[in-house]
């Protein structure tokens, strides 16, 4: 397995620890105005689906999640705007595992192709560059937000 894949899967293990004591009813809570767990999980899952699509695969998330977790739209604090925790976590984990599988199976030509997502095209010009960012850096940026959310709701440290 690639270093990108190993790092992504390690981060998923951490994510499962962070998510362990978050209740389904808390998916829309926004202490201190932080992004809620429901939004974070939808946003991250769709980002992994972007990676999958760049690599020629099909995403695993419901079609409306991309729009619902769009960074240019207001973040909802209504519980009914998010699926159950189980559905969110299942799609989140499956989307990353699928993206890692495709990343590790990608040809050198696929990875060297220009990425066309419409952002960071100068900084991350190739599919490999953008996939690495989405599978590791972007994921961990938002896991940090989820960890801060946990602490803002009074949950104790994990380690």
N, C-alpha and C. Protein backbone atom coordinates (compact mmCIF):
# COMPACT_ATOMS: atom_id res chain seq x y z
N UNK A 1 0.85 -1.18 0.00
CA UNK A 1 0.00 0.00 0.00
C UNK A 1 0.89 1.24 0.00
N UNK A 2 0.40 2.29 -0.65
CA UNK A 2 1.16 3.54 -0.74
C UNK A 2 1.20 4.26 0.61
N UNK A 3 2.14 5.16 0.75
CA UNK A 3 2.21 5.98 1.95
C UNK A 3 0.96 6.83 2.10
N UNK A 4 0.43 7.32 0.99
CA UNK A 4 -0.83 8.09 1.03
C UNK A 4 -1.94 7.21 1.60
N UNK A 5 -2.06 6.00 1.08
CA UNK A 5 -3.09 5.08 1.54
C UNK A 5 -2.95 4.75 3.02
N UNK A 6 -1.72 4.45 3.45
CA UNK A 6 -1.48 4.13 4.86
C UNK A 6 -1.85 5.29 5.77
N UNK A 7 -1.46 6.50 5.36
CA UNK A 7 -1.77 7.68 6.17
C UNK A 7 -3.27 7.92 6.23
N UNK A 8 -3.95 7.74 5.12
CA UNK A 8 -5.39 7.94 5.10
C UNK A 8 -6.09 6.93 6.01
N UNK A 9 -5.72 5.67 5.90
CA UNK A 9 -6.36 4.65 6.73
C UNK A 9 -6.05 4.85 8.21
N UNK A 10 -4.85 5.32 8.53
CA UNK A 10 -4.53 5.64 9.93
C UNK A 10 -5.42 6.78 10.43
N UNK A 11 -5.64 7.75 9.59
CA UNK A 11 -6.53 8.87 9.96
C UNK A 11 -7.96 8.40 10.15
N UNK A 12 -8.39 7.42 9.36
CA UNK A 12 -9.74 6.88 9.54
C UNK A 12 -9.87 6.18 10.90
N UNK A 13 -8.80 5.52 11.34
CA UNK A 13 -8.80 4.92 12.67
C UNK A 13 -8.96 5.98 13.75
N UNK A 14 -8.24 7.09 13.59
CA UNK A 14 -8.38 8.19 14.54
C UNK A 14 -9.79 8.76 14.48
N UNK A 15 -10.33 8.91 13.28
CA UNK A 15 -11.69 9.44 13.12
C UNK A 15 -12.70 8.60 13.89
N UNK A 16 -12.54 7.29 13.83
CA UNK A 16 -13.47 6.42 14.54
C UNK A 16 -13.39 6.62 16.05
N UNK A 17 -12.19 6.91 16.55
CA UNK A 17 -12.05 7.22 17.98
C UNK A 17 -12.76 8.53 18.31
N UNK A 18 -12.55 9.54 17.47
CA UNK A 18 -13.16 10.85 17.69
C UNK A 18 -14.68 10.75 17.65
N UNK A 19 -15.19 9.94 16.74
CA UNK A 19 -16.64 9.81 16.56
C UNK A 19 -17.29 8.90 17.60
N UNK A 20 -16.49 8.13 18.32
CA UNK A 20 -17.01 7.09 19.20
C UNK A 20 -18.05 7.55 20.21
N UNK A 21 -17.86 8.70 20.84
CA UNK A 21 -18.79 9.13 21.88
C UNK A 21 -19.69 10.28 21.43
N UNK A 22 -19.75 10.52 20.14
CA UNK A 22 -20.68 11.53 19.61
C UNK A 22 -21.99 10.82 19.30
N UNK A 23 -23.07 11.34 19.84
CA UNK A 23 -24.39 10.73 19.68
C UNK A 23 -25.06 11.18 18.37
N UNK A 24 -25.94 10.34 17.89
CA UNK A 24 -26.67 10.64 16.65
C UNK A 24 -27.39 11.99 16.76
N UNK A 25 -27.96 12.27 17.92
CA UNK A 25 -28.69 13.53 18.11
C UNK A 25 -27.82 14.77 18.10
N UNK A 26 -26.50 14.59 18.12
CA UNK A 26 -25.58 15.72 18.14
C UNK A 26 -25.06 16.12 16.75
N UNK A 27 -25.52 15.48 15.71
CA UNK A 27 -24.97 15.70 14.37
C UNK A 27 -25.12 17.13 13.87
N UNK A 28 -26.03 17.92 14.44
CA UNK A 28 -26.23 19.29 13.98
C UNK A 28 -25.78 20.35 14.99
N UNK A 29 -25.29 19.92 16.15
CA UNK A 29 -24.90 20.88 17.18
C UNK A 29 -23.70 21.71 16.72
N UNK A 30 -23.76 23.02 17.06
CA UNK A 30 -22.70 23.94 16.63
C UNK A 30 -22.18 24.78 17.80
N UNK A 31 -21.52 24.17 18.78
CA UNK A 31 -20.97 24.98 19.86
C UNK A 31 -19.94 25.96 19.31
N UNK A 32 -19.99 27.17 19.81
CA UNK A 32 -19.05 28.22 19.39
C UNK A 32 -19.09 28.49 17.89
N UNK A 33 -20.17 28.08 17.21
CA UNK A 33 -20.29 28.28 15.77
C UNK A 33 -19.48 27.30 14.94
N UNK A 34 -18.94 26.25 15.57
CA UNK A 34 -18.14 25.26 14.85
C UNK A 34 -19.01 24.47 13.87
N UNK A 35 -18.37 23.95 12.83
CA UNK A 35 -19.09 23.07 11.91
C UNK A 35 -19.53 21.83 12.67
N UNK A 36 -20.79 21.41 12.48
CA UNK A 36 -21.28 20.23 13.20
C UNK A 36 -20.77 18.93 12.60
N UNK A 37 -20.77 17.86 13.39
CA UNK A 37 -20.29 16.57 12.90
C UNK A 37 -21.00 16.10 11.63
N UNK A 38 -22.30 16.32 11.53
CA UNK A 38 -23.03 15.89 10.33
C UNK A 38 -22.51 16.54 9.08
N UNK A 39 -22.28 17.84 9.15
CA UNK A 39 -21.75 18.56 7.99
C UNK A 39 -20.33 18.11 7.69
N UNK A 40 -19.50 17.99 8.71
CA UNK A 40 -18.12 17.57 8.50
C UNK A 40 -18.04 16.20 7.82
N UNK A 41 -18.85 15.26 8.28
CA UNK A 41 -18.81 13.92 7.69
C UNK A 41 -19.31 13.93 6.25
N UNK A 42 -20.35 14.69 5.95
CA UNK A 42 -20.82 14.78 4.57
C UNK A 42 -19.77 15.45 3.69
N UNK A 43 -19.18 16.52 4.18
CA UNK A 43 -18.16 17.25 3.41
C UNK A 43 -16.95 16.36 3.13
N UNK A 44 -16.48 15.66 4.15
CA UNK A 44 -15.33 14.79 3.96
C UNK A 44 -15.64 13.62 3.03
N UNK A 45 -16.79 13.01 3.19
CA UNK A 45 -17.16 11.88 2.34
C UNK A 45 -17.23 12.30 0.88
N UNK A 46 -17.77 13.48 0.62
CA UNK A 46 -17.86 13.93 -0.78
C UNK A 46 -16.48 14.30 -1.32
N UNK A 47 -15.59 14.77 -0.46
CA UNK A 47 -14.22 15.05 -0.91
C UNK A 47 -13.52 13.77 -1.33
N UNK A 48 -13.74 12.70 -0.57
CA UNK A 48 -13.17 11.40 -0.97
C UNK A 48 -13.78 10.93 -2.29
N UNK A 49 -15.07 11.21 -2.47
CA UNK A 49 -15.71 10.87 -3.75
C UNK A 49 -15.09 11.66 -4.91
N UNK A 50 -14.70 12.90 -4.68
CA UNK A 50 -13.98 13.67 -5.71
C UNK A 50 -12.72 12.93 -6.12
N UNK A 51 -12.00 12.43 -5.13
CA UNK A 51 -10.78 11.68 -5.41
C UNK A 51 -11.10 10.46 -6.26
N UNK A 52 -12.10 9.73 -5.87
CA UNK A 52 -12.52 8.54 -6.62
C UNK A 52 -12.85 8.89 -8.06
N UNK A 53 -13.58 9.96 -8.25
CA UNK A 53 -13.98 10.37 -9.60
C UNK A 53 -12.77 10.81 -10.43
N UNK A 54 -11.81 11.50 -9.80
CA UNK A 54 -10.59 11.88 -10.53
C UNK A 54 -9.85 10.65 -11.02
N UNK A 55 -9.99 9.55 -10.28
CA UNK A 55 -9.29 8.31 -10.61
C UNK A 55 -10.13 7.38 -11.48
N UNK A 56 -11.24 7.89 -11.99
CA UNK A 56 -12.06 7.13 -12.92
C UNK A 56 -13.13 6.27 -12.31
N UNK A 57 -13.34 6.37 -11.01
CA UNK A 57 -14.36 5.57 -10.34
C UNK A 57 -15.64 6.33 -10.11
N UNK A 58 -16.55 5.69 -9.43
CA UNK A 58 -17.83 6.29 -9.07
C UNK A 58 -17.86 6.51 -7.57
N UNK A 59 -18.43 7.63 -7.17
CA UNK A 59 -18.55 7.93 -5.75
C UNK A 59 -19.55 7.04 -5.06
N UNK A 60 -19.50 7.02 -3.74
CA UNK A 60 -20.40 6.17 -2.95
C UNK A 60 -21.45 6.98 -2.20
N UNK A 61 -21.33 8.29 -2.16
CA UNK A 61 -22.24 9.12 -1.39
C UNK A 61 -23.55 9.38 -2.15
N UNK A 62 -24.63 9.62 -1.40
CA UNK A 62 -25.87 10.04 -2.04
C UNK A 62 -25.64 11.31 -2.86
N UNK A 63 -26.35 11.42 -3.97
CA UNK A 63 -26.12 12.50 -4.93
C UNK A 63 -26.27 13.89 -4.34
N UNK A 64 -27.13 14.07 -3.36
CA UNK A 64 -27.38 15.41 -2.83
C UNK A 64 -26.37 15.85 -1.76
N UNK A 65 -25.50 14.96 -1.33
CA UNK A 65 -24.57 15.33 -0.27
C UNK A 65 -23.59 16.42 -0.69
N UNK A 66 -23.15 16.41 -1.91
CA UNK A 66 -22.19 17.42 -2.35
C UNK A 66 -22.78 18.82 -2.20
N UNK A 67 -24.01 18.99 -2.62
CA UNK A 67 -24.65 20.31 -2.50
C UNK A 67 -24.92 20.66 -1.04
N UNK A 68 -25.33 19.68 -0.26
CA UNK A 68 -25.66 19.93 1.14
C UNK A 68 -24.41 20.26 1.97
N UNK A 69 -23.25 19.80 1.54
CA UNK A 69 -22.01 20.06 2.28
C UNK A 69 -21.11 21.04 1.54
N UNK A 70 -21.70 21.84 0.68
CA UNK A 70 -20.96 22.84 -0.09
C UNK A 70 -20.43 23.93 0.85
N UNK A 71 -19.16 24.24 0.73
CA UNK A 71 -18.54 25.25 1.60
C UNK A 71 -19.04 26.66 1.31
N UNK A 72 -19.70 26.86 0.20
CA UNK A 72 -20.20 28.19 -0.16
C UNK A 72 -21.63 28.43 0.33
N UNK A 73 -22.22 27.44 0.99
CA UNK A 73 -23.59 27.56 1.49
C UNK A 73 -23.58 27.56 3.01
N UNK A 74 -24.61 28.17 3.59
CA UNK A 74 -24.68 28.17 5.07
C UNK A 74 -24.74 26.75 5.62
N UNK A 75 -24.10 26.56 6.76
CA UNK A 75 -24.09 25.27 7.44
C UNK A 75 -25.32 25.19 8.33
N UNK A 76 -26.07 24.12 8.21
CA UNK A 76 -27.31 23.96 8.96
C UNK A 76 -27.05 23.50 10.39
N UNK A 77 -27.89 23.99 11.29
CA UNK A 77 -27.88 23.51 12.66
C UNK A 77 -29.19 22.77 12.98
N UNK A 78 -29.88 22.32 11.94
CA UNK A 78 -31.13 21.58 12.10
C UNK A 78 -30.84 20.09 11.98
N UNK A 79 -31.20 19.33 13.00
CA UNK A 79 -30.91 17.89 13.01
C UNK A 79 -31.51 17.16 11.82
N UNK A 80 -32.68 17.57 11.38
CA UNK A 80 -33.34 16.90 10.25
C UNK A 80 -32.60 17.09 8.93
N UNK A 81 -31.65 18.01 8.88
CA UNK A 81 -30.89 18.24 7.64
C UNK A 81 -29.74 17.25 7.46
N UNK A 82 -29.56 16.36 8.42
CA UNK A 82 -28.47 15.39 8.34
C UNK A 82 -29.00 13.97 8.48
N UNK A 83 -28.37 13.03 7.78
CA UNK A 83 -28.71 11.62 7.97
C UNK A 83 -28.34 11.15 9.38
N UNK A 84 -28.64 9.91 9.68
CA UNK A 84 -28.26 9.35 10.97
C UNK A 84 -26.73 9.26 11.08
N UNK A 85 -26.27 9.16 12.30
CA UNK A 85 -24.83 9.01 12.51
C UNK A 85 -24.33 7.76 11.80
N UNK A 86 -25.06 6.66 11.91
CA UNK A 86 -24.62 5.41 11.27
C UNK A 86 -24.47 5.57 9.77
N UNK A 87 -25.42 6.23 9.13
CA UNK A 87 -25.34 6.45 7.68
C UNK A 87 -24.17 7.36 7.33
N UNK A 88 -24.00 8.42 8.09
CA UNK A 88 -22.89 9.35 7.85
C UNK A 88 -21.54 8.64 7.98
N UNK A 89 -21.36 7.91 9.07
CA UNK A 89 -20.08 7.24 9.31
C UNK A 89 -19.82 6.16 8.26
N UNK A 90 -20.84 5.41 7.91
CA UNK A 90 -20.68 4.36 6.90
C UNK A 90 -20.22 4.95 5.57
N UNK A 91 -20.89 6.00 5.10
CA UNK A 91 -20.49 6.61 3.83
C UNK A 91 -19.11 7.26 3.93
N UNK A 92 -18.84 7.90 5.06
CA UNK A 92 -17.54 8.53 5.28
C UNK A 92 -16.42 7.50 5.15
N UNK A 93 -16.52 6.41 5.90
CA UNK A 93 -15.48 5.39 5.86
C UNK A 93 -15.40 4.71 4.49
N UNK A 94 -16.52 4.35 3.92
CA UNK A 94 -16.53 3.69 2.61
C UNK A 94 -15.96 4.57 1.51
N UNK A 95 -16.26 5.86 1.56
CA UNK A 95 -15.77 6.75 0.50
C UNK A 95 -14.23 6.83 0.54
N UNK A 96 -13.65 6.91 1.72
CA UNK A 96 -12.19 6.98 1.82
C UNK A 96 -11.53 5.65 1.48
N UNK A 97 -12.09 4.57 1.97
CA UNK A 97 -11.51 3.26 1.65
C UNK A 97 -11.54 2.99 0.15
N UNK A 98 -12.64 3.37 -0.49
CA UNK A 98 -12.75 3.19 -1.94
C UNK A 98 -11.74 4.07 -2.67
N UNK A 99 -11.59 5.32 -2.23
CA UNK A 99 -10.63 6.23 -2.86
C UNK A 99 -9.20 5.72 -2.71
N UNK A 100 -8.86 5.21 -1.53
CA UNK A 100 -7.51 4.66 -1.32
C UNK A 100 -7.27 3.47 -2.23
N UNK A 101 -8.24 2.61 -2.35
CA UNK A 101 -8.11 1.45 -3.23
C UNK A 101 -7.83 1.88 -4.67
N UNK A 102 -8.59 2.86 -5.15
CA UNK A 102 -8.38 3.34 -6.52
C UNK A 102 -7.05 4.07 -6.67
N UNK A 103 -6.67 4.84 -5.65
CA UNK A 103 -5.39 5.54 -5.69
C UNK A 103 -4.25 4.53 -5.83
N UNK A 104 -4.31 3.47 -5.03
CA UNK A 104 -3.24 2.48 -5.06
C UNK A 104 -3.24 1.63 -6.34
N UNK A 105 -4.35 1.60 -7.04
CA UNK A 105 -4.43 0.86 -8.31
C UNK A 105 -4.18 1.75 -9.53
N UNK A 106 -4.07 3.05 -9.31
CA UNK A 106 -3.95 3.99 -10.43
C UNK A 106 -2.64 3.80 -11.18
N UNK A 107 -2.70 4.04 -12.47
CA UNK A 107 -1.51 3.96 -13.30
C UNK A 107 -0.71 5.26 -13.16
N UNK A 108 0.57 5.22 -13.50
CA UNK A 108 1.36 6.45 -13.48
C UNK A 108 0.75 7.54 -14.37
N UNK A 109 0.15 7.12 -15.48
CA UNK A 109 -0.47 8.10 -16.40
C UNK A 109 -1.67 8.77 -15.74
N UNK A 110 -2.50 7.99 -15.05
CA UNK A 110 -3.65 8.57 -14.35
C UNK A 110 -3.19 9.59 -13.30
N UNK A 111 -2.18 9.22 -12.55
CA UNK A 111 -1.71 10.09 -11.47
C UNK A 111 -1.03 11.34 -11.99
N UNK A 112 -0.42 11.27 -13.16
CA UNK A 112 0.27 12.43 -13.74
C UNK A 112 -0.66 13.37 -14.49
N UNK A 113 -1.89 12.95 -14.72
CA UNK A 113 -2.84 13.78 -15.46
C UNK A 113 -3.15 15.05 -14.68
N UNK A 114 -3.47 16.14 -15.40
CA UNK A 114 -3.85 17.37 -14.69
C UNK A 114 -5.16 17.17 -13.91
N UNK A 115 -5.19 17.71 -12.73
CA UNK A 115 -6.45 17.66 -11.97
C UNK A 115 -7.30 18.84 -12.40
N UNK A 116 -8.60 18.61 -12.49
CA UNK A 116 -9.52 19.61 -13.03
C UNK A 116 -10.67 19.92 -12.06
N UNK A 117 -10.39 19.96 -10.77
CA UNK A 117 -11.46 20.21 -9.81
C UNK A 117 -11.85 21.68 -9.71
N UNK A 118 -11.03 22.55 -10.23
CA UNK A 118 -11.37 23.97 -10.20
C UNK A 118 -10.81 24.72 -9.01
N UNK A 119 -9.94 24.10 -8.24
CA UNK A 119 -9.26 24.79 -7.14
C UNK A 119 -7.90 24.16 -6.92
N UNK A 120 -6.96 24.96 -6.44
CA UNK A 120 -5.57 24.54 -6.20
C UNK A 120 -4.92 23.95 -7.46
N UNK A 121 -5.33 24.41 -8.62
CA UNK A 121 -4.77 23.84 -9.85
C UNK A 121 -3.30 24.21 -10.03
N UNK A 122 -2.87 25.36 -9.53
CA UNK A 122 -1.46 25.73 -9.61
C UNK A 122 -0.65 25.04 -8.51
N UNK A 123 -1.20 25.02 -7.31
CA UNK A 123 -0.49 24.44 -6.18
C UNK A 123 -0.43 22.91 -6.24
N UNK A 124 -1.49 22.30 -6.74
CA UNK A 124 -1.61 20.84 -6.80
C UNK A 124 -2.03 20.45 -8.22
N UNK A 125 -1.10 20.52 -9.17
CA UNK A 125 -1.48 20.42 -10.58
C UNK A 125 -1.90 19.05 -11.09
N UNK A 126 -1.45 17.98 -10.45
CA UNK A 126 -1.76 16.65 -10.99
C UNK A 126 -2.81 15.93 -10.14
N UNK A 127 -3.37 14.89 -10.69
CA UNK A 127 -4.31 14.05 -9.95
C UNK A 127 -3.63 13.50 -8.70
N UNK A 128 -2.39 13.07 -8.80
CA UNK A 128 -1.67 12.55 -7.63
C UNK A 128 -1.54 13.63 -6.55
N UNK A 129 -1.21 14.84 -6.96
CA UNK A 129 -1.06 15.93 -6.00
C UNK A 129 -2.37 16.20 -5.27
N UNK A 130 -3.45 16.35 -6.02
CA UNK A 130 -4.74 16.66 -5.42
C UNK A 130 -5.27 15.48 -4.62
N UNK A 131 -5.11 14.27 -5.12
CA UNK A 131 -5.58 13.10 -4.38
C UNK A 131 -4.85 12.98 -3.06
N UNK A 132 -3.54 13.19 -3.06
CA UNK A 132 -2.78 13.15 -1.82
C UNK A 132 -3.28 14.17 -0.81
N UNK A 133 -3.56 15.37 -1.30
CA UNK A 133 -4.09 16.42 -0.43
C UNK A 133 -5.44 16.02 0.15
N UNK A 134 -6.35 15.54 -0.71
CA UNK A 134 -7.70 15.21 -0.24
C UNK A 134 -7.70 14.00 0.69
N UNK A 135 -6.83 13.03 0.44
CA UNK A 135 -6.81 11.82 1.25
C UNK A 135 -6.07 11.97 2.57
N UNK A 136 -5.22 13.00 2.68
CA UNK A 136 -4.44 13.15 3.90
C UNK A 136 -4.65 14.54 4.53
N UNK A 137 -4.18 15.59 3.89
CA UNK A 137 -4.21 16.92 4.51
C UNK A 137 -5.63 17.41 4.76
N UNK A 138 -6.46 17.39 3.73
CA UNK A 138 -7.83 17.88 3.86
C UNK A 138 -8.59 17.07 4.92
N UNK A 139 -8.44 15.77 4.88
CA UNK A 139 -9.09 14.91 5.87
C UNK A 139 -8.67 15.31 7.28
N UNK A 140 -7.39 15.50 7.49
CA UNK A 140 -6.91 15.80 8.84
C UNK A 140 -7.22 17.22 9.29
N UNK A 141 -7.31 18.15 8.36
CA UNK A 141 -7.77 19.50 8.72
C UNK A 141 -9.15 19.40 9.38
N UNK A 142 -10.04 18.67 8.72
CA UNK A 142 -11.41 18.59 9.22
C UNK A 142 -11.54 17.65 10.42
N UNK A 143 -10.68 16.65 10.54
CA UNK A 143 -10.69 15.84 11.77
C UNK A 143 -10.26 16.69 12.97
N UNK A 144 -9.38 17.65 12.73
CA UNK A 144 -9.01 18.60 13.79
C UNK A 144 -10.21 19.43 14.21
N UNK A 145 -11.04 19.82 13.24
CA UNK A 145 -12.26 20.56 13.58
C UNK A 145 -13.21 19.69 14.39
N UNK A 146 -13.31 18.42 14.01
CA UNK A 146 -14.18 17.50 14.74
C UNK A 146 -13.67 17.28 16.16
N UNK A 147 -12.36 17.19 16.31
CA UNK A 147 -11.78 17.05 17.64
C UNK A 147 -12.06 18.29 18.49
N UNK A 148 -11.93 19.48 17.90
CA UNK A 148 -12.24 20.72 18.61
C UNK A 148 -13.72 20.75 18.99
N UNK A 149 -14.58 20.27 18.10
CA UNK A 149 -16.02 20.21 18.38
C UNK A 149 -16.26 19.35 19.62
N UNK A 150 -15.61 18.18 19.69
CA UNK A 150 -15.76 17.29 20.84
C UNK A 150 -15.42 18.02 22.13
N UNK A 151 -14.29 18.71 22.14
CA UNK A 151 -13.86 19.40 23.34
C UNK A 151 -14.80 20.55 23.69
N UNK A 152 -15.32 21.24 22.67
CA UNK A 152 -16.25 22.35 22.92
C UNK A 152 -17.58 21.87 23.50
N UNK A 153 -17.89 20.58 23.30
CA UNK A 153 -19.13 20.03 23.89
C UNK A 153 -18.87 19.37 25.23
N UNK A 154 -17.65 19.51 25.75
CA UNK A 154 -17.35 19.01 27.08
C UNK A 154 -16.79 17.61 27.13
N UNK A 155 -16.53 17.00 25.98
CA UNK A 155 -15.97 15.66 25.97
C UNK A 155 -14.48 15.72 26.28
N UNK A 156 -14.00 14.72 26.95
CA UNK A 156 -12.61 14.70 27.38
C UNK A 156 -11.66 14.33 26.27
N UNK A 157 -10.36 14.49 26.53
CA UNK A 157 -9.35 14.13 25.53
C UNK A 157 -9.35 12.63 25.28
N UNK A 158 -8.92 12.25 24.10
CA UNK A 158 -8.87 10.84 23.74
C UNK A 158 -7.56 10.17 24.18
N UNK A 159 -6.51 10.96 24.32
CA UNK A 159 -5.22 10.41 24.73
C UNK A 159 -4.43 11.49 25.40
